[in-house]
C-alpha atoms as a PDB file:
ATOM      1  CA  MET A   1       0.000   0.000   0.000  1.00  0.00           C
ATOM      2  CA  ILE A   2       1.085   3.556  -0.720  1.00  0.00           C
ATOM      3  CA  ASP A   3       1.071   6.044   2.158  1.00  0.00           C
ATOM      4  CA  ILE A   4       1.386   9.353   0.325  1.00  0.00           C
ATOM      5  CA  GLU A   5       1.511  11.451   3.519  1.00  0.00           C
ATOM      6  CA  LYS A   6       4.416   9.376   4.817  1.00  0.00           C
ATOM      7  CA  ALA A   7       6.130   9.811   1.447  1.00  0.00           C
ATOM      8  CA  LYS A   8       5.695  13.589   1.660  1.00  0.00           C
ATOM      9  CA  LYS A   9       7.334  13.619   5.095  1.00  0.00           C
ATOM     10  CA  ALA A  10      10.243  11.600   3.689  1.00  0.00           C
ATOM     11  CA  PHE A  11      10.516  14.113   0.842  1.00  0.00           C
ATOM     12  CA  LYS A  12      10.812  17.004   3.311  1.00  0.00           C
ATOM     13  CA  ASN A  13      13.568  15.133   5.129  1.00  0.00           C
ATOM     14  CA  PHE A  14      15.348  14.525   1.820  1.00  0.00           C
ATOM     15  CA  LEU A  15      15.348  18.255   1.065  1.00  0.00           C
ATOM     16  CA  ASN A  16      17.324  18.911   4.244  1.00  0.00           C
ATOM     17  CA  ASN A  17      20.389  17.617   2.393  1.00  0.00           C
ATOM     18  CA  TYR A  18      20.461  20.726   0.210  1.00  0.00           C
ATOM     19  CA  ASN A  19      20.976  24.479   0.458  1.00  0.00           C
ATOM     20  CA  LYS A  20      17.479  25.909   0.259  1.00  0.00           C
ATOM     21  CA  ASN A  21      18.825  29.352  -0.656  1.00  0.00           C
ATOM     22  CA  GLU A  22      20.153  28.193  -4.025  1.00  0.00           C
ATOM     23  CA  LEU A  23      18.459  29.957  -6.947  1.00  0.00           C
ATOM     24  CA  GLY A  24      15.767  27.664  -8.337  1.00  0.00           C
ATOM     25  CA  PHE A  25      15.502  25.480  -5.224  1.00  0.00           C
ATOM     26  CA  LYS A  26      12.243  26.895  -3.866  1.00  0.00           C
ATOM     27  CA  LEU A  27      10.757  26.950  -7.339  1.00  0.00           C
ATOM     28  CA  LYS A  28      11.371  23.206  -7.705  1.00  0.00           C
ATOM     29  CA  ILE A  29       9.762  22.441  -4.356  1.00  0.00           C
ATOM     30  CA  VAL A  30       6.634  24.385  -5.288  1.00  0.00           C
ATOM     31  CA  HIS A  31       6.708  22.772  -8.728  1.00  0.00           C
ATOM     32  CA  THR A  32       6.868  19.298  -7.221  1.00  0.00           C
ATOM     33  CA  TYR A  33       3.771  19.774  -5.082  1.00  0.00           C
ATOM     34  CA  HIS A  34       1.836  21.289  -7.970  1.00  0.00           C
ATOM     35  CA  VAL A  35       2.754  18.313 -10.148  1.00  0.00           C
ATOM     36  CA  VAL A  36       1.488  16.008  -7.378  1.00  0.00           C
ATOM     37  CA  ASP A  37      -1.847  17.859  -7.429  1.00  0.00           C
ATOM     38  CA  ASN A  38      -1.989  17.710 -11.224  1.00  0.00           C
ATOM     39  CA  ALA A  39      -1.258  13.989 -11.248  1.00  0.00           C
ATOM     40  CA  ARG A  40      -4.021  13.328  -8.755  1.00  0.00           C
ATOM     41  CA  GLU A  41      -6.475  15.436 -10.751  1.00  0.00           C
ATOM     42  CA  ILE A  42      -5.663  13.653 -14.020  1.00  0.00           C
ATOM     43  CA  ALA A  43      -5.752  10.179 -12.463  1.00  0.00           C
ATOM     44  CA  THR A  44      -9.029  10.967 -10.711  1.00  0.00           C
ATOM     45  CA  LYS A  45     -10.669  12.256 -13.882  1.00  0.00           C
ATOM     46  CA  LEU A  46      -9.511   9.089 -15.631  1.00  0.00           C
ATOM     47  CA  ARG A  47     -11.452   7.215 -12.928  1.00  0.00           C
ATOM     48  CA  LEU A  48      -8.470   5.110 -11.947  1.00  0.00           C
ATOM     49  CA  PRO A  49      -8.529   2.947  -8.793  1.00  0.00           C
ATOM     50  CA  GLU A  50      -7.429   4.773  -5.623  1.00  0.00           C
ATOM     51  CA  GLU A  51      -4.150   2.850  -5.478  1.00  0.00           C
ATOM     52  CA  ASP A  52      -3.287   4.022  -9.003  1.00  0.00           C
ATOM     53  CA  ILE A  53      -4.168   7.577  -8.009  1.00  0.00           C
ATOM     54  CA  LYS A  54      -1.774   7.357  -5.070  1.00  0.00           C
ATOM     55  CA  LEU A  55       0.874   5.818  -7.291  1.00  0.00           C
ATOM     56  CA  ALA A  56       0.510   8.732  -9.708  1.00  0.00           C
ATOM     57  CA  GLU A  57       0.971  11.122  -6.773  1.00  0.00           C
ATOM     58  CA  LEU A  58       4.054   9.278  -5.542  1.00  0.00           C
ATOM     59  CA  ILE A  59       5.671   9.322  -8.987  1.00  0.00           C
ATOM     60  CA  ALA A  60       4.955  13.047  -9.191  1.00  0.00           C
ATOM     61  CA  LEU A  61       6.498  13.618  -5.757  1.00  0.00           C
ATOM     62  CA  LEU A  62       9.711  11.911  -6.890  1.00  0.00           C
ATOM     63  CA  HIS A  63       9.847  12.855 -10.573  1.00  0.00           C
ATOM     64  CA  ASP A  64      12.262  15.789 -10.155  1.00  0.00           C
ATOM     65  CA  ILE A  65      14.323  14.464  -7.263  1.00  0.00           C
ATOM     66  CA  GLY A  66      17.387  14.641  -9.492  1.00  0.00           C
ATOM     67  CA  ARG A  67      16.877  18.381 -10.013  1.00  0.00           C
ATOM     68  CA  PHE A  68      18.058  19.189  -6.494  1.00  0.00           C
ATOM     69  CA  GLU A  69      21.374  17.488  -7.154  1.00  0.00           C
ATOM     70  CA  GLU A  70      21.562  19.372 -10.450  1.00  0.00           C
ATOM     71  CA  ILE A  71      21.159  22.712  -8.664  1.00  0.00           C
ATOM     72  CA  LYS A  72      23.769  21.684  -6.106  1.00  0.00           C
ATOM     73  CA  LEU A  73      26.329  20.666  -8.706  1.00  0.00           C
ATOM     74  CA  LEU A  74      25.697  23.067 -11.611  1.00  0.00           C
ATOM     75  CA  LYS A  75      24.020  26.037  -9.889  1.00  0.00           C
ATOM     76  CA  LYS A  76      21.529  26.063 -12.771  1.00  0.00           C
ATOM     77  CA  PHE A  77      19.132  23.888 -14.747  1.00  0.00           C
ATOM     78  CA  ASP A  78      20.860  22.378 -17.776  1.00  0.00           C
ATOM     79  CA  SER A  79      19.039  19.367 -19.181  1.00  0.00           C
ATOM     80  CA  VAL A  80      21.614  18.959 -21.955  1.00  0.00           C
ATOM     81  CA  LYS A  81      24.550  18.518 -19.581  1.00  0.00           C
ATOM     82  CA  PHE A  82      22.640  16.880 -16.740  1.00  0.00           C
ATOM     83  CA  ASP A  83      19.883  14.304 -17.281  1.00  0.00           C
ATOM     84  CA  HIS A  84      17.953  14.900 -14.070  1.00  0.00           C
ATOM     85  CA  ALA A  85      15.457  12.112 -14.805  1.00  0.00           C
ATOM     86  CA  SER A  86      18.030   9.326 -15.152  1.00  0.00           C
ATOM     87  CA  HIS A  87      20.027  10.779 -12.267  1.00  0.00           C
ATOM     88  CA  GLY A  88      16.910  10.732 -10.105  1.00  0.00           C
ATOM     89  CA  VAL A  89      16.339   7.077 -10.993  1.00  0.00           C
ATOM     90  CA  LYS A  90      19.913   6.263  -9.947  1.00  0.00           C
ATOM     91  CA  MET A  91      19.494   8.122  -6.666  1.00  0.00           C
ATOM     92  CA  LEU A  92      16.296   6.265  -5.881  1.00  0.00           C
ATOM     93  CA  PHE A  93      17.162   2.746  -6.934  1.00  0.00           C
ATOM     94  CA  GLU A  94      20.940   2.311  -6.857  1.00  0.00           C
ATOM     95  CA  ASN A  95      21.145   3.501  -3.258  1.00  0.00           C
ATOM     96  CA  ASN A  96      17.737   2.123  -2.233  1.00  0.00           C
ATOM     97  CA  LEU A  97      16.513   5.636  -1.403  1.00  0.00           C
ATOM     98  CA  ILE A  98      13.130   4.602  -2.765  1.00  0.00           C
ATOM     99  CA  ARG A  99      12.446   2.657   0.441  1.00  0.00           C
ATOM    100  CA  ASP A 100      12.288   5.950   2.344  1.00  0.00           C
ATOM    101  CA  PHE A 101       9.169   6.761   0.334  1.00  0.00           C
ATOM    102  CA  ILE A 102       7.466   3.387  -0.057  1.00  0.00           C
ATOM    103  CA  GLU A 103       8.174   0.099   1.724  1.00  0.00           C
ATOM    104  CA  ASP A 104       6.501  -2.131  -0.872  1.00  0.00           C
ATOM    105  CA  ASP A 105       8.754  -2.863  -3.867  1.00  0.00           C
ATOM    106  CA  SER A 106       5.979  -4.118  -6.157  1.00  0.00           C
ATOM    107  CA  TYR A 107       5.624  -0.690  -7.812  1.00  0.00           C
ATOM    108  CA  ASP A 108       9.355  -0.117  -8.314  1.00  0.00           C
ATOM    109  CA  GLU A 109       9.424  -0.828 -12.042  1.00  0.00           C
ATOM    110  CA  ILE A 110       6.494   1.484 -12.783  1.00  0.00           C
ATOM    111  CA  ILE A 111       8.044   4.266 -10.689  1.00  0.00           C
ATOM    112  CA  ARG A 112      11.433   3.817 -12.325  1.00  0.00           C
ATOM    113  CA  VAL A 113      10.076   3.784 -15.871  1.00  0.00           C
ATOM    114  CA  ALA A 114       7.723   6.734 -15.359  1.00  0.00           C
ATOM    115  CA  ILE A 115      10.396   8.962 -13.817  1.00  0.00           C
ATOM    116  CA  ASP A 116      12.937   7.977 -16.456  1.00  0.00           C
ATOM    117  CA  ASN A 117      10.458   8.859 -19.214  1.00  0.00           C
ATOM    118  CA  HIS A 118       8.978  12.035 -17.786  1.00  0.00           C
ATOM    119  CA  SER A 119      11.330  14.478 -19.545  1.00  0.00           C
ATOM    120  CA  ARG A 120      12.235  12.569 -22.701  1.00  0.00           C
ATOM    121  CA  LEU A 121      11.321  14.034 -26.073  1.00  0.00           C
ATOM    122  CA  ALA A 122       9.013  11.028 -26.466  1.00  0.00           C
ATOM    123  CA  ILE A 123       8.053   8.030 -24.346  1.00  0.00           C
ATOM    124  CA  GLN A 124      10.148   4.962 -25.076  1.00  0.00           C
ATOM    125  CA  GLU A 125       8.450   2.262 -27.105  1.00  0.00           C
ATOM    126  CA  GLY A 126       7.422  -1.174 -25.883  1.00  0.00           C
ATOM    127  CA  LEU A 127       6.167  -0.275 -22.413  1.00  0.00           C
ATOM    128  CA  ASP A 128       3.494  -2.400 -20.795  1.00  0.00           C
ATOM    129  CA  GLU A 129       0.069  -0.868 -20.222  1.00  0.00           C
ATOM    130  CA  LYS A 130       0.620   0.249 -16.605  1.00  0.00           C
ATOM    131  CA  CYS A 131       4.078   1.725 -17.208  1.00  0.00           C
ATOM    132  CA  LEU A 132       2.783   3.592 -20.250  1.00  0.00           C
ATOM    133  CA  LEU A 133      -0.223   4.962 -18.376  1.00  0.00           C
ATOM    134  CA  HIS A 134       1.838   6.333 -15.504  1.00  0.00           C
ATOM    135  CA  SER A 135       4.472   7.709 -17.872  1.00  0.00           C
ATOM    136  CA  GLN A 136       1.711   9.600 -19.681  1.00  0.00           C
ATOM    137  CA  ILE A 137       0.217  10.916 -16.441  1.00  0.00           C
ATOM    138  CA  ILE A 138       3.492  12.270 -15.080  1.00  0.00           C
ATOM    139  CA  ARG A 139       4.422  13.839 -18.415  1.00  0.00           C
ATOM    140  CA  ASP A 140       1.094  15.695 -18.569  1.00  0.00           C
ATOM    141  CA  ALA A 141       1.181  16.677 -14.894  1.00  0.00           C
ATOM    142  CA  ASP A 142       4.715  18.008 -15.275  1.00  0.00           C
ATOM    143  CA  LYS A 143       3.990  19.946 -18.453  1.00  0.00           C
ATOM    144  CA  LEU A 144       0.867  21.511 -16.974  1.00  0.00           C
ATOM    145  CA  ASP A 145       2.862  22.948 -14.111  1.00  0.00           C
ATOM    146  CA  ASN A 146       5.538  24.191 -16.478  1.00  0.00           C
ATOM    147  CA  PHE A 147       2.774  26.299 -18.024  1.00  0.00           C
ATOM    148  CA  ARG A 148       1.874  27.614 -14.559  1.00  0.00           C
ATOM    149  CA  LEU A 149       5.524  28.394 -13.832  1.00  0.00           C
ATOM    150  CA  LYS A 150       5.825  30.504 -16.960  1.00  0.00           C
ATOM    151  CA  LYS A 151       2.793  32.453 -15.835  1.00  0.00           C
ATOM    152  CA  GLU A 152       3.742  33.073 -12.191  1.00  0.00           C
ATOM    153  CA  GLU A 153       7.476  32.757 -11.515  1.00  0.00           C
ATOM    154  CA  SER A 154      10.333  35.172 -12.202  1.00  0.00           C
ATOM    155  CA  ILE A 155      12.589  34.695 -15.211  1.00  0.00           C
ATOM    156  CA  GLU A 156      15.618  34.427 -12.910  1.00  0.00           C
ATOM    157  CA  GLU A 157      14.036  31.534 -10.997  1.00  0.00           C
ATOM    158  CA  ILE A 158      12.763  29.732 -14.090  1.00  0.00           C
ATOM    159  CA  PHE A 159      16.113  29.824 -15.875  1.00  0.00           C
ATOM    160  CA  PRO A 160      18.754  30.178 -13.128  1.00  0.00           C
ATOM    161  CA  GLY A 161      22.167  30.830 -14.595  1.00  0.00           C
ATOM    162  CA  GLN A 162      20.818  31.058 -18.153  1.00  0.00           C
ATOM    163  CA  VAL A 163      18.416  34.000 -18.572  1.00  0.00           C
ATOM    164  CA  LYS A 164      19.150  36.906 -16.278  1.00  0.00           C
ATOM    165  CA  SER A 165      16.384  39.378 -17.019  1.00  0.00           C
ATOM    166  CA  ARG A 166      13.133  40.153 -18.785  1.00  0.00           C
ATOM    167  CA  GLU A 167      15.097  42.221 -21.288  1.00  0.00           C
ATOM    168  CA  ASP A 168      17.115  39.165 -22.313  1.00  0.00           C
ATOM    169  CA  MET A 169      13.883  37.513 -23.396  1.00  0.00           C
ATOM    170  CA  GLU A 170      12.317  40.548 -25.043  1.00  0.00           C
ATOM    171  CA  ASN A 171      15.430  41.305 -27.105  1.00  0.00           C
ATOM    172  CA  SER A 172      15.850  37.700 -28.156  1.00  0.00           C
ATOM    173  CA  THR A 173      14.932  36.176 -31.508  1.00  0.00           C
ATOM    174  CA  LEU A 174      13.575  32.737 -32.320  1.00  0.00           C
ATOM    175  CA  SER A 175      15.802  30.192 -34.031  1.00  0.00           C
ATOM    176  CA  ASN A 176      14.620  28.993 -37.447  1.00  0.00           C
ATOM    177  CA  LYS A 177      14.755  25.336 -36.435  1.00  0.00           C
ATOM    178  CA  ILE A 178      12.596  25.932 -33.366  1.00  0.00           C
ATOM    179  CA  TYR A 179      10.068  27.863 -35.409  1.00  0.00           C
ATOM    180  CA  GLU A 180       9.840  25.151 -38.064  1.00  0.00           C
ATOM    181  CA  THR A 181       9.413  22.481 -35.388  1.00  0.00           C
ATOM    182  CA  ILE A 182       6.410  24.279 -33.938  1.00  0.00           C
ATOM    183  CA  LYS A 183       4.922  24.909 -37.381  1.00  0.00           C
ATOM    184  CA  ASN A 184       5.081  21.134 -37.826  1.00  0.00           C
ATOM    185  CA  LYS A 185       3.285  20.690 -34.474  1.00  0.00           C
ATOM    186  CA  LYS A 186       6.171  18.887 -32.825  1.00  0.00           C
ATOM    187  CA  CYS A 187       7.862  19.158 -29.438  1.00  0.00           C
ATOM    188  CA  VAL A 188      11.221  20.911 -29.401  1.00  0.00           C
ATOM    189  CA  ASP A 189      14.380  18.878 -28.916  1.00  0.00           C
ATOM    190  CA  ILE A 190      16.224  20.547 -26.016  1.00  0.00           C
ATOM    191  CA  HIS A 191      19.496  20.202 -27.955  1.00  0.00           C
ATOM    192  CA  ASP A 192      18.132  22.582 -30.615  1.00  0.00           C
ATOM    193  CA  ARG A 193      17.577  25.501 -28.229  1.00  0.00           C
ATOM    194  CA  VAL A 194      20.001  28.389 -28.708  1.00  0.00           C
ATOM    195  CA  THR A 195      18.418  31.720 -27.745  1.00  0.00           C
ATOM    196  CA  PRO A 196      16.549  32.704 -24.566  1.00  0.00           C
ATOM    197  CA  LEU A 197      13.319  32.807 -26.572  1.00  0.00           C
ATOM    198  CA  ASP A 198      13.958  29.260 -27.789  1.00  0.00           C
ATOM    199  CA  TYR A 199      13.841  28.139 -24.159  1.00  0.00           C
ATOM    200  CA  TRP A 200      10.562  29.957 -23.576  1.00  0.00           C
ATOM    201  CA  VAL A 201       8.822  28.782 -26.736  1.00  0.00           C
ATOM    202  CA  CYS A 202       9.987  25.232 -26.059  1.00  0.00           C
ATOM    203  CA  ILE A 203       7.479  25.176 -23.202  1.00  0.00           C
ATOM    204  CA  LEU A 204       4.623  26.286 -25.442  1.00  0.00           C
ATOM    205  CA  ALA A 205       5.400  23.355 -27.733  1.00  0.00           C
ATOM    206  CA  PHE A 206       4.695  20.982 -24.845  1.00  0.00           C
ATOM    207  CA  THR A 207       1.096  21.329 -25.995  1.00  0.00           C
ATOM    208  CA  PHE A 208       1.801  18.904 -28.835  1.00  0.00           C
ATOM    209  CA  ASP A 209       2.722  16.133 -26.410  1.00  0.00           C
ATOM    210  CA  LEU A 210      -0.175  16.115 -23.961  1.00  0.00           C
ATOM    211  CA  ASN A 211      -1.852  12.726 -23.643  1.00  0.00           C
ATOM    212  CA  PHE A 212      -5.287  13.365 -22.160  1.00  0.00           C
ATOM    213  CA  LYS A 213      -8.253  15.523 -23.108  1.00  0.00           C
ATOM    214  CA  GLU A 214      -8.476  16.688 -19.490  1.00  0.00           C
ATOM    215  CA  SER A 215      -4.978  18.125 -19.776  1.00  0.00           C
ATOM    216  CA  TYR A 216      -5.970  20.196 -22.795  1.00  0.00           C
ATOM    217  CA  LYS A 217      -9.008  21.436 -20.873  1.00  0.00           C
ATOM    218  CA  ILE A 218      -6.732  22.671 -18.071  1.00  0.00           C
ATOM    219  CA  VAL A 219      -4.511  24.536 -20.547  1.00  0.00           C
ATOM    220  CA  LYS A 220      -7.553  26.120 -22.187  1.00  0.00           C
ATOM    221  CA  GLU A 221      -9.303  27.038 -18.938  1.00  0.00           C
ATOM    222  CA  ASN A 222      -6.193  28.738 -17.554  1.00  0.00           C
ATOM    223  CA  ASN A 223      -5.428  30.516 -20.841  1.00  0.00           C
ATOM    224  CA  TYR A 224      -1.818  29.424 -20.416  1.00  0.00           C
ATOM    225  CA  ILE A 225      -0.754  29.929 -24.034  1.00  0.00           C
ATOM    226  CA  ASP A 226      -1.903  33.523 -24.407  1.00  0.00           C
ATOM    227  CA  ILE A 227      -0.672  34.491 -20.953  1.00  0.00           C
ATOM    228  CA  SER A 228       2.777  33.016 -21.604  1.00  0.00           C
ATOM    229  CA  ILE A 229       3.074  34.738 -24.972  1.00  0.00           C
ATOM    230  CA  ASP A 230       1.780  38.081 -23.706  1.00  0.00           C
ATOM    231  CA  ARG A 231       4.201  38.154 -20.794  1.00  0.00           C
ATOM    232  CA  PHE A 232       6.795  39.852 -23.029  1.00  0.00           C
ATOM    233  CA  LYS A 233       6.992  42.656 -25.578  1.00  0.00           C
ATOM    234  CA  TYR A 234       9.126  41.287 -28.389  1.00  0.00           C
ATOM    235  CA  SER A 235      11.395  43.969 -29.807  1.00  0.00           C
ATOM    236  CA  ASP A 236      12.155  42.303 -33.152  1.00  0.00           C
ATOM    237  CA  CYS A 237       9.418  42.726 -35.798  1.00  0.00           C
ATOM    238  CA  GLU A 238       9.947  39.347 -37.450  1.00  0.00           C
ATOM    239  CA  THR A 239       9.892  37.693 -34.030  1.00  0.00           C
ATOM    240  CA  GLN A 240       6.564  39.392 -33.281  1.00  0.00           C
ATOM    241  CA  LYS A 241       5.081  37.868 -36.443  1.00  0.00           C
ATOM    242  CA  ARG A 242       6.452  34.437 -35.625  1.00  0.00           C
ATOM    243  CA  ILE A 243       5.120  34.550 -32.077  1.00  0.00           C
ATOM    244  CA  GLU A 244       1.639  35.478 -33.281  1.00  0.00           C
ATOM    245  CA  ASN A 245       1.714  32.615 -35.751  1.00  0.00           C
ATOM    246  CA  ILE A 246       2.768  30.273 -32.957  1.00  0.00           C
ATOM    247  CA  ARG A 247      -0.142  31.539 -30.841  1.00  0.00           C
ATOM    248  CA  ASN A 248      -2.593  30.700 -33.622  1.00  0.00           C
ATOM    249  CA  ILE A 249      -1.065  27.298 -34.368  1.00  0.00           C
ATOM    250  CA  ILE A 250      -1.124  26.167 -30.758  1.00  0.00           C
ATOM    251  CA  ASN A 251      -4.550  27.525 -29.844  1.00  0.00           C
ATOM    252  CA  GLU A 252      -6.082  25.922 -32.941  1.00  0.00           C
ATOM    253  CA  TYR A 253      -4.360  22.652 -32.061  1.00  0.00           C
ATOM    254  CA  ILE A 254      -5.820  22.752 -28.544  1.00  0.00           C
ATOM    255  CA  ASN A 255      -9.298  23.324 -29.941  1.00  0.00           C
ATOM    256  CA  THR A 256      -9.015  20.213 -32.129  1.00  0.00           C
ATOM    257  CA  LYS A 257      -8.193  18.176 -29.029  1.00  0.00           C
ATOM    258  CA  LEU A 258     -11.296  19.397 -27.200  1.00  0.00           C
ATOM    259  CA  ILE A 259     -13.804  18.344 -29.845  1.00  0.00           C
END
């Protein structure tokens, strides 16, 4: 059985191993708990059994555990240099840290696979039904909170060590490859990001990888796309045109998913 409250207490104890004043640290704690809430909401609306709902919450609680080590070591988020998902899996299972969060080992494979897949460009092929389901839930829950982050948090916290100010974003342009990827309704490969605006627009492209209709409803209801785009005044005229085209492409795509 999964005791999610006990797991949350273990998570708080785990965080004591790190410097809570590091830039990005508090953001990731808040993010984690929001992803837990999102996972529960998605799993509940899918009418899953209570144990699967708790499992979705537990995976969400642990999905970014590798991020705290990333902040400690790199002083920034850099998914190209540091694979926080695979590092989190190693932390949990190579050192048996997972037992701090759940005594029963019968869910270990699902937890491992879901965490390992949560930030990939695409879910690995050949997963069994349960591993696939929980990989889809955590990916949607995570992406939904990334939309919230872009609405509420400061640029310095979102991109510690990479984007220093609002002006960096507003004076940035969008790379051709990123723009073409979005026009083709595809998620952005993190290795293709070059400019500050590439990093921002990469999040908008998450829309093309949501798995559940309920997730699209959440994006629509919170107006995440328009709010994220309108957060900045883009100084370059061509960039302004591209951003407006991206707005239309993504909002139309969301509407097709809600039919």
